[in-house]
């Protein structure tokens, strides 16, 4: 099995960034789904933030150019609360089966977005279960 030490520093950084960005986006998107079901609109968020509605729409479609400021603005505008927790990989492997459905085939590998790398070739997949290179948890709750 290839280990994380076989990755270049750039690949390690890119992988960590992609995971953090995707966890942040997923958390914001879940909060957005809830607020939308409660009647909040993108226009409401735009007014709260003093932003154009198109900026809100783009931001809620995907985290392409997100900064920590974008993340924080969206959470605050939707009356969310942020909790970030980072664990050493040896302390918590509770989500190690999160990607059990992914197989190490060329067809699946080609479908993985570029920022997620070819996980099988870089050793993040062992059999069909993912060995997580770092355990980063981002959760949010709203009051």
Protein backbone atom coordinates (compact mmCIF):
# COMPACT_ATOMS: atom_id res chain seq x y z
CA UNK A 1 0.00 0.00 0.00
CA UNK A 2 1.22 3.48 -0.83
CA UNK A 3 1.40 5.73 2.18
CA UNK A 4 0.86 9.44 2.60
CA UNK A 5 4.65 9.81 2.67
CA UNK A 6 4.70 8.78 -1.02
CA UNK A 7 2.78 11.94 -1.94
CA UNK A 8 4.53 15.15 -2.81
CA UNK A 9 4.13 18.05 -0.38
CA UNK A 10 1.91 19.77 -2.96
CA UNK A 11 -0.33 16.69 -3.28
CA UNK A 12 -0.69 16.43 0.50
CA UNK A 13 -1.60 20.12 0.68
CA UNK A 14 -4.05 19.91 -2.22
CA UNK A 15 -5.74 16.85 -0.74
CA UNK A 16 -6.07 18.48 2.68
CA UNK A 17 -7.42 21.69 1.15
CA UNK A 18 -9.97 19.81 -0.97
CA UNK A 19 -11.22 17.83 2.04
CA UNK A 20 -11.56 20.93 4.23
CA UNK A 21 -13.27 22.89 1.44
CA UNK A 22 -15.70 20.08 0.70
CA UNK A 23 -16.57 19.57 4.38
CA UNK A 24 -17.22 23.29 4.73
CA UNK A 25 -19.39 23.37 1.62
CA UNK A 26 -21.37 20.31 2.71
CA UNK A 27 -22.05 21.90 6.10
CA UNK A 28 -23.18 25.19 4.52
CA UNK A 29 -25.30 23.35 1.97
CA UNK A 30 -27.04 21.32 4.70
CA UNK A 31 -27.81 24.52 6.61
CA UNK A 32 -29.03 26.15 3.38
CA UNK A 33 -31.40 23.21 2.73
CA UNK A 34 -32.87 23.65 6.20
CA UNK A 35 -33.22 27.43 5.95
CA UNK A 36 -34.74 27.18 2.47
CA UNK A 37 -37.31 24.68 3.78
CA UNK A 38 -38.11 27.24 6.50
CA UNK A 39 -38.72 29.92 3.85
CA UNK A 40 -35.38 31.73 3.62
CA UNK A 41 -34.38 32.83 0.13
CA UNK A 42 -31.09 33.69 -1.53
CA UNK A 43 -32.36 37.26 -1.71
CA UNK A 44 -32.71 37.26 2.09
CA UNK A 45 -29.08 36.20 2.44
CA UNK A 46 -27.98 38.85 -0.08
CA UNK A 47 -29.78 41.58 1.87
CA UNK A 48 -28.32 40.43 5.19
CA UNK A 49 -24.79 40.44 3.76
CA UNK A 50 -25.14 43.49 1.52
CA UNK A 51 -24.17 41.29 -1.43
CA UNK A 52 -25.68 40.78 -4.85
CA UNK A 53 -28.05 37.83 -5.17
CA UNK A 54 -25.88 36.37 -7.96
CA UNK A 55 -22.92 36.16 -5.52
CA UNK A 56 -25.10 34.23 -3.07
CA UNK A 57 -26.33 31.94 -5.84
CA UNK A 58 -22.77 31.19 -7.05
CA UNK A 59 -21.56 30.63 -3.49
CA UNK A 60 -24.34 28.17 -2.71
CA UNK A 61 -23.75 26.21 -5.94
CA UNK A 62 -20.18 25.30 -5.04
CA UNK A 63 -17.09 26.37 -3.10
CA UNK A 64 -14.95 27.24 -6.15
CA UNK A 65 -13.54 30.52 -4.84
CA UNK A 66 -14.53 30.32 -1.20
CA UNK A 67 -12.42 31.92 1.47
CA UNK A 68 -12.85 31.55 5.20
CA UNK A 69 -14.67 34.88 5.01
CA UNK A 70 -17.18 33.49 2.50
CA UNK A 71 -17.74 30.46 4.71
CA UNK A 72 -18.25 32.62 7.79
CA UNK A 73 -20.52 35.11 6.02
CA UNK A 74 -22.85 32.42 4.73
CA UNK A 75 -23.08 30.67 8.10
CA UNK A 76 -23.84 33.93 9.92
CA UNK A 77 -26.40 35.07 7.34
CA UNK A 78 -28.23 31.75 7.74
CA UNK A 79 -28.10 31.97 11.55
CA UNK A 80 -25.76 29.02 11.87
CA UNK A 81 -23.16 28.08 14.45
CA UNK A 82 -19.73 26.74 13.55
CA UNK A 83 -17.80 24.05 15.36
CA UNK A 84 -14.54 22.80 13.88
CA UNK A 85 -12.78 19.75 15.26
CA UNK A 86 -9.52 18.23 14.06
CA UNK A 87 -8.30 14.85 15.31
CA UNK A 88 -5.01 13.04 14.94
CA UNK A 89 -5.58 10.10 12.58
CA UNK A 90 -4.45 7.63 15.20
CA UNK A 91 -7.11 8.90 17.63
CA UNK A 92 -10.22 8.51 15.51
CA UNK A 93 -10.96 6.29 12.58
CA UNK A 94 -14.73 6.32 13.03
CA UNK A 95 -15.32 7.49 9.45
CA UNK A 96 -12.82 5.16 7.79
CA UNK A 97 -15.60 3.27 6.03
CA UNK A 98 -17.20 6.43 4.62
CA UNK A 99 -16.07 5.59 1.08
CA UNK A 100 -16.67 1.84 1.17
CA UNK A 101 -18.68 2.01 -2.06
CA UNK A 102 -15.72 3.32 -4.06
CA UNK A 103 -13.81 0.64 -5.88
CA UNK A 104 -10.28 0.89 -7.18
CA UNK A 105 -11.14 0.67 -10.87
CA UNK A 106 -10.10 2.93 -13.72
CA UNK A 107 -13.76 3.81 -14.37
CA UNK A 108 -14.29 5.00 -10.81
CA UNK A 109 -10.89 6.71 -10.67
CA UNK A 110 -11.65 8.73 -13.78
CA UNK A 111 -14.91 9.91 -12.22
CA UNK A 112 -13.24 11.28 -9.09
CA UNK A 113 -12.79 15.07 -9.38
CA UNK A 114 -9.23 16.17 -10.01
CA UNK A 115 -8.84 17.79 -6.59
CA UNK A 116 -9.55 14.48 -4.86
CA UNK A 117 -6.68 12.78 -6.73
CA UNK A 118 -6.65 9.23 -7.85
CA UNK A 119 -7.16 7.81 -4.36
CA UNK A 120 -6.46 4.24 -5.31
CA UNK A 121 -3.08 4.96 -6.92
CA UNK A 122 -1.97 7.08 -3.98
CA UNK A 123 -2.90 4.51 -1.36
CA UNK A 124 -5.93 6.13 0.21
CA UNK A 125 -8.04 3.11 -0.77
CA UNK A 126 -7.31 -0.31 0.64
CA UNK A 127 -9.51 -3.00 -0.80
CA UNK A 128 -12.81 -1.08 -1.05
CA UNK A 129 -12.51 0.85 2.22
CA UNK A 130 -10.81 4.19 2.49
CA UNK A 131 -7.92 4.65 4.84
CA UNK A 132 -8.38 8.28 5.72
CA UNK A 133 -5.20 10.34 5.62
CA UNK A 134 -6.46 12.79 8.20
CA UNK A 135 -9.61 13.01 10.25
CA UNK A 136 -11.05 16.46 9.96
CA UNK A 137 -14.56 16.96 11.21
CA UNK A 138 -16.63 20.02 10.58
CA UNK A 139 -20.02 20.16 12.18
CA UNK A 140 -22.46 22.93 12.61
CA UNK A 141 -25.54 23.40 14.66
CA UNK A 142 -28.11 26.11 14.48
CA UNK A 143 -30.14 27.68 17.20
